[in-house]
N, C-alpha and C. Protein backbone atom coordinates (compact mmCIF):
# COMPACT_ATOMS: atom_id res chain seq x y z
N MET A 1 39.66 49.29 28.56
CA MET A 1 38.94 49.54 27.12
C MET A 1 39.56 48.44 26.15
N ILE A 2 38.72 47.90 25.35
CA ILE A 2 39.17 46.78 24.42
C ILE A 2 39.30 47.75 23.07
N SER A 3 40.58 47.42 22.48
CA SER A 3 40.87 48.16 21.18
C SER A 3 40.56 47.03 20.07
N THR A 4 40.19 47.78 18.95
CA THR A 4 39.89 46.82 17.75
C THR A 4 41.26 46.86 16.97
N PRO A 5 41.61 45.50 16.68
CA PRO A 5 42.91 45.41 15.88
C PRO A 5 42.71 45.98 14.54
N THR A 6 43.68 46.70 14.02
CA THR A 6 43.69 47.24 12.87
C THR A 6 44.02 46.29 11.67
N PRO A 7 43.17 46.05 10.85
CA PRO A 7 43.56 45.16 9.67
C PRO A 7 44.97 45.46 8.89
N THR A 8 45.80 44.48 8.67
CA THR A 8 46.88 44.63 7.76
C THR A 8 46.42 44.78 6.38
N PRO A 9 46.82 45.82 5.72
CA PRO A 9 46.54 45.87 4.28
C PRO A 9 47.21 44.77 3.40
N ALA A 10 46.27 44.17 2.61
CA ALA A 10 46.80 43.01 1.82
C ALA A 10 46.33 42.93 0.55
N ALA A 11 46.68 42.61 -0.50
CA ALA A 11 46.41 42.31 -1.78
C ALA A 11 44.91 41.61 -1.81
N ILE A 12 44.00 42.22 -2.69
CA ILE A 12 42.83 41.75 -2.90
C ILE A 12 42.88 40.65 -4.04
N ARG A 13 42.49 39.51 -3.86
CA ARG A 13 42.41 38.35 -4.66
C ARG A 13 40.93 38.14 -5.26
N GLU A 14 40.66 38.32 -6.36
CA GLU A 14 39.35 38.04 -6.96
C GLU A 14 38.80 36.62 -6.91
N ASP A 15 37.69 36.50 -6.42
CA ASP A 15 36.98 35.07 -6.31
C ASP A 15 35.81 35.10 -7.16
N VAL A 16 35.61 34.71 -8.39
CA VAL A 16 34.66 34.69 -9.21
C VAL A 16 33.48 33.82 -8.76
N LEU A 17 33.76 33.05 -7.82
CA LEU A 17 32.63 32.22 -7.02
C LEU A 17 32.05 32.74 -5.81
N ALA A 18 32.49 34.06 -5.45
CA ALA A 18 31.85 34.62 -4.21
C ALA A 18 30.57 35.02 -4.50
N PRO A 19 29.72 34.83 -3.71
CA PRO A 19 28.23 35.27 -3.94
C PRO A 19 28.03 36.62 -4.25
N GLY A 20 27.05 37.06 -5.20
CA GLY A 20 26.77 38.41 -5.42
C GLY A 20 25.25 38.41 -4.67
N ILE A 21 24.97 39.34 -3.83
CA ILE A 21 23.82 39.23 -3.20
C ILE A 21 22.98 40.57 -3.49
N PHE A 22 21.73 40.53 -3.86
CA PHE A 22 21.04 41.73 -4.14
C PHE A 22 20.21 42.03 -3.23
N ALA A 23 20.13 43.33 -2.57
CA ALA A 23 18.99 43.81 -1.71
C ALA A 23 18.58 45.23 -1.90
N ASP A 24 17.49 45.42 -1.67
CA ASP A 24 16.86 46.78 -1.95
C ASP A 24 16.56 47.68 -0.89
N GLU A 25 17.06 47.13 0.27
CA GLU A 25 16.98 48.11 1.64
C GLU A 25 17.78 47.66 2.76
N ALA A 26 18.38 48.56 3.33
CA ALA A 26 19.08 48.38 4.69
C ALA A 26 18.30 48.51 5.71
N ALA A 27 17.59 47.35 6.26
CA ALA A 27 16.51 47.46 7.03
C ALA A 27 16.73 47.84 8.45
N PHE A 28 17.86 47.18 9.04
CA PHE A 28 18.19 47.37 10.50
C PHE A 28 19.77 47.60 10.63
N ILE A 29 19.94 48.21 11.69
CA ILE A 29 21.65 48.55 12.05
C ILE A 29 21.60 48.30 13.50
N SER A 30 22.43 47.48 13.90
CA SER A 30 22.67 47.39 15.37
C SER A 30 24.13 47.44 15.78
N ILE A 31 24.44 47.86 16.94
CA ILE A 31 26.02 48.13 17.24
C ILE A 31 26.00 47.42 18.82
N ALA A 32 26.87 46.48 19.02
CA ALA A 32 27.06 45.74 20.16
C ALA A 32 28.50 45.33 20.22
N HIS A 33 29.26 45.73 21.23
CA HIS A 33 30.58 45.15 21.73
C HIS A 33 31.45 45.60 20.45
N GLY A 34 31.42 46.77 19.94
CA GLY A 34 32.16 47.26 18.86
C GLY A 34 31.94 46.69 17.62
N VAL A 35 30.78 46.08 17.31
CA VAL A 35 30.54 45.48 16.10
C VAL A 35 29.27 46.19 15.50
N VAL A 36 29.29 46.45 14.14
CA VAL A 36 28.03 47.09 13.61
C VAL A 36 27.43 45.81 12.71
N THR A 37 26.29 45.59 12.94
CA THR A 37 25.68 44.56 12.13
C THR A 37 24.48 45.32 11.14
N LEU A 38 24.80 45.09 9.86
CA LEU A 38 23.69 45.68 8.97
C LEU A 38 22.84 44.55 8.50
N THR A 39 21.62 44.76 8.60
CA THR A 39 20.60 43.64 7.95
C THR A 39 19.98 44.17 6.73
N PHE A 40 20.18 43.57 5.59
CA PHE A 40 19.70 44.07 4.16
C PHE A 40 18.66 42.98 3.90
N THR A 41 17.69 43.57 3.21
CA THR A 41 16.45 42.92 2.87
C THR A 41 16.11 42.90 1.28
N ARG A 42 15.25 42.22 0.91
CA ARG A 42 14.68 42.39 -0.40
C ARG A 42 13.21 42.04 -0.53
N GLN A 43 12.55 42.68 -1.46
CA GLN A 43 11.08 42.17 -1.59
C GLN A 43 11.00 41.05 -2.24
N VAL A 44 10.21 40.16 -1.88
CA VAL A 44 9.87 38.95 -2.54
C VAL A 44 8.36 38.70 -2.41
N PHE A 45 7.58 37.66 -3.11
CA PHE A 45 6.38 37.38 -3.06
C PHE A 45 6.08 36.06 -2.47
N ASP A 46 5.08 36.07 -1.44
CA ASP A 46 4.73 34.76 -0.82
C ASP A 46 3.54 34.17 -1.66
N ASP A 47 3.97 32.97 -2.25
CA ASP A 47 3.13 32.52 -3.11
C ASP A 47 2.18 31.29 -2.27
N MET A 48 2.59 31.19 -1.07
CA MET A 48 1.67 30.35 -0.22
C MET A 48 0.26 30.90 0.17
N SER A 49 0.14 32.08 -0.05
CA SER A 49 -1.29 32.60 0.37
C SER A 49 -2.30 32.32 -0.61
N ASN A 50 -3.47 32.28 -0.04
CA ASN A 50 -4.67 31.86 -0.80
C ASN A 50 -5.06 33.05 -1.60
N GLY A 51 -4.98 32.88 -2.94
CA GLY A 51 -5.27 33.92 -3.87
C GLY A 51 -4.01 34.70 -4.61
N SER A 52 -3.81 35.91 -4.66
CA SER A 52 -2.64 36.50 -5.34
C SER A 52 -1.60 36.37 -4.37
N PRO A 53 -0.32 36.51 -4.92
CA PRO A 53 1.02 36.76 -4.02
C PRO A 53 0.92 37.94 -3.34
N VAL A 54 1.57 37.78 -2.19
CA VAL A 54 1.52 38.86 -1.11
C VAL A 54 2.90 39.37 -1.00
N PRO A 55 3.33 40.57 -1.30
CA PRO A 55 4.63 41.09 -1.23
C PRO A 55 5.26 40.90 0.33
N ILE A 56 6.29 40.55 0.48
CA ILE A 56 6.90 40.47 1.94
C ILE A 56 8.29 40.81 1.69
N ARG A 57 8.92 41.06 2.89
CA ARG A 57 10.49 41.42 2.87
C ARG A 57 11.01 40.26 3.53
N LYS A 58 12.24 39.81 2.77
CA LYS A 58 12.82 38.78 3.21
C LYS A 58 14.37 39.04 3.41
N VAL A 59 14.84 38.67 4.57
CA VAL A 59 16.43 39.01 4.84
C VAL A 59 17.38 38.33 3.84
N ALA A 60 18.13 39.30 3.19
CA ALA A 60 18.88 38.78 2.07
C ALA A 60 20.48 38.53 2.62
N LEU A 61 20.87 39.14 3.58
CA LEU A 61 22.20 39.30 4.18
C LEU A 61 22.40 40.00 5.38
N ARG A 62 23.09 39.50 6.40
CA ARG A 62 23.45 40.31 7.50
C ARG A 62 24.81 40.42 7.55
N LEU A 63 25.41 41.71 7.63
CA LEU A 63 26.81 42.08 7.46
C LEU A 63 27.32 42.58 8.76
N SER A 64 28.35 42.01 9.35
CA SER A 64 28.93 42.52 10.71
C SER A 64 30.41 42.82 10.36
N LEU A 65 30.52 44.15 10.91
CA LEU A 65 31.88 44.69 10.80
C LEU A 65 32.23 45.32 12.08
N PRO A 66 33.67 45.59 12.32
CA PRO A 66 34.08 46.38 13.49
C PRO A 66 33.59 47.77 13.18
N VAL A 67 33.41 48.50 14.14
CA VAL A 67 32.76 49.95 13.89
C VAL A 67 33.61 50.77 12.93
N SER A 68 35.16 50.65 13.32
CA SER A 68 36.07 51.37 12.40
C SER A 68 35.95 50.96 11.00
N VAL A 69 35.66 49.77 10.65
CA VAL A 69 35.73 49.57 9.26
C VAL A 69 34.18 49.83 8.68
N ALA A 70 33.18 49.73 9.61
CA ALA A 70 31.98 50.38 9.13
C ALA A 70 31.88 52.00 8.85
N GLU A 71 32.61 52.59 9.68
CA GLU A 71 32.85 54.15 9.46
C GLU A 71 33.46 54.26 8.18
N ALA A 72 34.55 53.60 8.09
CA ALA A 72 35.43 53.81 6.82
C ALA A 72 34.40 53.39 5.47
N MET A 73 33.90 52.45 5.42
CA MET A 73 33.00 52.10 4.42
C MET A 73 31.81 53.01 4.03
N GLY A 74 31.21 53.45 5.34
CA GLY A 74 30.14 54.30 5.08
C GLY A 74 30.72 55.94 4.42
N SER A 75 31.95 56.22 4.93
CA SER A 75 32.54 57.50 4.36
C SER A 75 32.99 57.09 2.93
N GLY A 76 33.53 55.93 2.59
CA GLY A 76 33.90 55.78 1.28
C GLY A 76 32.65 55.69 0.27
N VAL A 77 31.63 55.10 0.58
CA VAL A 77 30.39 55.07 -0.18
C VAL A 77 29.87 56.37 -0.45
N VAL A 78 29.81 57.10 0.49
CA VAL A 78 29.22 58.74 0.24
C VAL A 78 30.11 59.34 -0.69
N GLU A 79 31.57 59.28 -0.26
CA GLU A 79 32.37 59.95 -1.14
C GLU A 79 32.36 59.55 -2.64
N TYR A 80 32.19 58.06 -2.62
CA TYR A 80 32.25 57.71 -4.29
C TYR A 80 30.88 58.12 -5.07
N ILE A 81 29.72 58.10 -4.40
CA ILE A 81 28.62 58.51 -4.86
C ILE A 81 28.62 59.98 -5.40
N GLY A 82 29.32 60.86 -4.31
CA GLY A 82 29.37 62.20 -4.69
C GLY A 82 30.32 62.50 -5.91
N LYS A 83 31.40 61.77 -6.23
CA LYS A 83 32.07 61.69 -7.30
C LYS A 83 31.45 61.32 -8.59
N LEU A 84 30.49 60.44 -8.44
CA LEU A 84 29.61 59.82 -9.50
C LEU A 84 28.68 60.92 -10.05
N ARG A 85 28.09 61.71 -8.99
CA ARG A 85 27.14 62.75 -9.15
C ARG A 85 27.95 63.88 -9.80
N LEU A 86 29.07 64.22 -9.34
CA LEU A 86 29.73 65.41 -10.02
C LEU A 86 30.12 65.19 -11.35
N ALA A 87 30.62 64.04 -11.72
CA ALA A 87 31.10 63.42 -13.04
C ALA A 87 29.77 63.55 -13.84
N ALA A 88 28.64 62.93 -13.39
CA ALA A 88 27.37 63.07 -14.25
C ALA A 88 26.97 64.56 -14.43
N ALA A 89 27.06 65.36 -13.81
CA ALA A 89 26.47 66.95 -13.89
C ALA A 89 27.56 67.48 -14.71
N GLU A 90 28.91 67.31 -14.51
CA GLU A 90 29.83 67.87 -15.57
C GLU A 90 29.74 67.39 -16.92
N SER A 91 29.37 66.10 -17.18
CA SER A 91 29.11 65.65 -18.72
C SER A 91 27.87 66.11 -19.10
N THR A 92 26.87 66.62 -18.39
CA THR A 92 25.58 67.24 -18.96
C THR A 92 25.67 68.69 -19.20
N GLU A 93 26.67 69.40 -18.64
CA GLU A 93 27.02 70.74 -18.96
C GLU A 93 27.44 71.12 -20.33
N MET A 94 26.84 72.26 -20.86
CA MET A 94 27.36 72.78 -22.27
C MET A 94 28.76 73.45 -22.12
N PRO A 95 29.67 73.00 -22.96
CA PRO A 95 30.96 73.83 -22.94
C PRO A 95 30.63 75.20 -23.24
N ALA A 96 31.60 76.10 -22.62
CA ALA A 96 31.60 77.44 -23.01
C ALA A 96 31.64 77.86 -24.31
N GLY A 97 30.75 78.73 -24.92
CA GLY A 97 30.83 78.87 -26.51
C GLY A 97 29.97 77.97 -27.18
N SER A 98 29.49 77.03 -26.55
CA SER A 98 28.48 75.88 -27.48
C SER A 98 27.16 76.76 -27.91
N PRO A 99 26.75 76.47 -28.96
CA PRO A 99 25.32 76.98 -29.31
C PRO A 99 24.28 76.47 -28.67
N THR A 100 23.31 77.22 -28.23
CA THR A 100 22.18 76.81 -27.35
C THR A 100 20.87 76.46 -28.25
N VAL A 101 20.09 75.60 -27.68
CA VAL A 101 18.90 75.24 -28.41
C VAL A 101 17.69 75.94 -27.60
N ASN A 102 16.97 76.59 -28.44
CA ASN A 102 15.71 77.41 -27.55
C ASN A 102 14.36 76.44 -27.90
């Protein structure tokens, strides 16, 4: 059995020149040999067509991670979104004893 090495925790150094990539869909997921590959796409328009532009999907990024890292990332994203939703719901609730508007 092949084991995936555990990454050593290290300080994160910001790189302002690191590319920021926008994608509006996680189109494909594949797992092979202990590596998860996520393919992200975005909608663009094909201006090469005759007539009006035709919307197409273009691959924006392929991200490959060890399975354990992908699992941790997925759990972390779901947990973070849950906290944001809870905070948003709490901020819209009326405090006890507040006047109500009919």
